[in-house]
Amino acid sequence: MKVEVVNKLEEIIYYQGSHGIEDYLDEFQTLISNANYTDSCTIVVKFRRDLQTTIQNQITALLVECLKDIDLTMWFEATRCINQT
């Protein structure tokens, strides 16, 4: 099962797409946990890469001063905030 989870995370076709933010966050967190990923930088890069481009850009524009690329919690919270606006 771990191999399948890692493969899904590493595929180019895995992305938020039409999934709602909460569904995407839940699935992403489950995949990361099941894959035993622990490196914050790697996780943030994968999370950011797989978000819809418009959400990526909104988060970056709004939080450029305080958003650290390796702070996954900030990315999750910023994504939720963008979704609520």
C-alpha atoms as a PDB file:
ATOM      1  CA  MET A   1       0.000   0.000   0.000  1.00  0.00           C
ATOM      2  CA  LYS A   2       2.816   2.439   0.823  1.00  0.00           C
ATOM      3  CA  VAL A   3       4.195   2.102  -2.702  1.00  0.00           C
ATOM      4  CA  GLU A   4       0.787   2.978  -4.160  1.00  0.00           C
ATOM      5  CA  VAL A   5       0.487   6.032  -1.897  1.00  0.00           C
ATOM      6  CA  VAL A   6       3.976   7.299  -2.748  1.00  0.00           C
ATOM      7  CA  ASN A   7       3.326   6.726  -6.442  1.00  0.00           C
ATOM      8  CA  LYS A   8       0.110   8.744  -6.231  1.00  0.00           C
ATOM      9  CA  LEU A   9       1.909  11.650  -4.535  1.00  0.00           C
ATOM     10  CA  GLU A  10       4.710  11.571  -7.073  1.00  0.00           C
ATOM     11  CA  GLU A  11       2.514  11.441 -10.166  1.00  0.00           C
ATOM     12  CA  ILE A  12       2.150  14.600 -12.167  1.00  0.00           C
ATOM     13  CA  ILE A  13      -1.565  13.900 -12.574  1.00  0.00           C
ATOM     14  CA  TYR A  14      -2.250  14.096  -8.811  1.00  0.00           C
ATOM     15  CA  TYR A  15      -3.526  17.582  -8.045  1.00  0.00           C
ATOM     16  CA  GLN A  16      -6.431  19.399  -6.460  1.00  0.00           C
ATOM     17  CA  GLY A  17      -8.348  19.728  -9.699  1.00  0.00           C
ATOM     18  CA  SER A  18     -12.053  20.102  -8.999  1.00  0.00           C
ATOM     19  CA  HIS A  19     -11.810  18.746  -5.452  1.00  0.00           C
ATOM     20  CA  GLY A  20     -12.972  21.167  -2.778  1.00  0.00           C
ATOM     21  CA  ILE A  21     -10.279  22.574  -0.499  1.00  0.00           C
ATOM     22  CA  GLU A  22     -11.263  20.533   2.556  1.00  0.00           C
ATOM     23  CA  ASP A  23     -11.460  17.302   0.543  1.00  0.00           C
ATOM     24  CA  TYR A  24      -8.089  18.004  -1.029  1.00  0.00           C
ATOM     25  CA  LEU A  25      -6.496  18.858   2.339  1.00  0.00           C
ATOM     26  CA  ASP A  26      -7.898  15.710   3.954  1.00  0.00           C
ATOM     27  CA  GLU A  27      -6.710  13.480   1.132  1.00  0.00           C
ATOM     28  CA  PHE A  28      -3.298  15.155   0.963  1.00  0.00           C
ATOM     29  CA  GLN A  29      -2.743  14.821   4.717  1.00  0.00           C
ATOM     30  CA  THR A  30      -3.774  11.157   4.612  1.00  0.00           C
ATOM     31  CA  LEU A  31      -1.444  10.448   1.698  1.00  0.00           C
ATOM     32  CA  ILE A  32       1.485  12.199   3.395  1.00  0.00           C
ATOM     33  CA  SER A  33       0.870  10.281   6.595  1.00  0.00           C
ATOM     34  CA  ASN A  34       0.505   6.913   4.838  1.00  0.00           C
ATOM     35  CA  ALA A  35       3.645   7.568   2.779  1.00  0.00           C
ATOM     36  CA  ASN A  36       5.566   8.419   5.983  1.00  0.00           C
ATOM     37  CA  TYR A  37       6.785  11.687   4.495  1.00  0.00           C
ATOM     38  CA  THR A  38       8.389  13.836   7.186  1.00  0.00           C
ATOM     39  CA  ASP A  39      10.555  16.376   5.377  1.00  0.00           C
ATOM     40  CA  SER A  40       8.683  19.695   5.636  1.00  0.00           C
ATOM     41  CA  CYS A  41      10.225  21.173   2.522  1.00  0.00           C
ATOM     42  CA  THR A  42       9.289  18.175   0.381  1.00  0.00           C
ATOM     43  CA  ILE A  43       5.741  18.143   1.734  1.00  0.00           C
ATOM     44  CA  VAL A  44       5.209  21.868   1.128  1.00  0.00           C
ATOM     45  CA  VAL A  45       6.580  21.618  -2.413  1.00  0.00           C
ATOM     46  CA  LYS A  46       4.190  18.761  -3.201  1.00  0.00           C
ATOM     47  CA  PHE A  47       1.230  20.500  -1.564  1.00  0.00           C
ATOM     48  CA  ARG A  48       1.890  23.796  -3.313  1.00  0.00           C
ATOM     49  CA  ARG A  49       2.521  22.136  -6.675  1.00  0.00           C
ATOM     50  CA  ASP A  50      -0.778  20.289  -6.534  1.00  0.00           C
ATOM     51  CA  LEU A  51      -3.005  23.246  -5.604  1.00  0.00           C
ATOM     52  CA  GLN A  52      -5.008  25.010  -8.262  1.00  0.00           C
ATOM     53  CA  THR A  53      -2.790  27.700  -9.789  1.00  0.00           C
ATOM     54  CA  THR A  54      -5.175  30.498  -8.828  1.00  0.00           C
ATOM     55  CA  ILE A  55      -5.058  29.427  -5.178  1.00  0.00           C
ATOM     56  CA  GLN A  56      -1.254  29.158  -5.263  1.00  0.00           C
ATOM     57  CA  ASN A  57      -1.016  32.678  -6.643  1.00  0.00           C
ATOM     58  CA  GLN A  58      -3.509  34.134  -4.149  1.00  0.00           C
ATOM     59  CA  ILE A  59      -1.678  32.632  -1.181  1.00  0.00           C
ATOM     60  CA  THR A  60       1.682  33.840  -2.427  1.00  0.00           C
ATOM     61  CA  ALA A  61       0.381  37.353  -3.124  1.00  0.00           C
ATOM     62  CA  LEU A  62      -1.399  37.730   0.210  1.00  0.00           C
ATOM     63  CA  LEU A  63       1.165  36.156   2.473  1.00  0.00           C
ATOM     64  CA  VAL A  64       4.473  36.764   0.759  1.00  0.00           C
ATOM     65  CA  GLU A  65       5.877  38.598   3.782  1.00  0.00           C
ATOM     66  CA  CYS A  66       4.997  36.039   6.435  1.00  0.00           C
ATOM     67  CA  LEU A  67       4.720  32.775   4.509  1.00  0.00           C
ATOM     68  CA  LYS A  68       7.698  30.538   4.873  1.00  0.00           C
ATOM     69  CA  ASP A  69       8.006  27.980   2.121  1.00  0.00           C
ATOM     70  CA  ILE A  70       8.580  25.143   4.574  1.00  0.00           C
ATOM     71  CA  ASP A  71       5.731  25.908   6.973  1.00  0.00           C
ATOM     72  CA  LEU A  72       3.077  23.375   5.979  1.00  0.00           C
ATOM     73  CA  THR A  73       0.613  24.520   8.643  1.00  0.00           C
ATOM     74  CA  MET A  74       0.706  28.055   7.224  1.00  0.00           C
ATOM     75  CA  TRP A  75       0.029  26.693   3.736  1.00  0.00           C
ATOM     76  CA  PHE A  76      -2.957  24.676   4.999  1.00  0.00           C
ATOM     77  CA  GLU A  77      -4.399  27.640   6.907  1.00  0.00           C
ATOM     78  CA  ALA A  78      -3.794  30.077   4.052  1.00  0.00           C
ATOM     79  CA  THR A  79      -5.513  27.686   1.666  1.00  0.00           C
ATOM     80  CA  ARG A  80      -8.531  27.489   3.963  1.00  0.00           C
ATOM     81  CA  CYS A  81      -8.638  31.297   4.213  1.00  0.00           C
ATOM     82  CA  ILE A  82      -8.499  31.703   0.436  1.00  0.00           C
ATOM     83  CA  ASN A  83     -11.302  29.182   0.100  1.00  0.00           C
ATOM     84  CA  GLN A  84     -13.533  31.201   2.472  1.00  0.00           C
ATOM     85  CA  THR A  85     -13.217  34.445   0.506  1.00  0.00           C
END
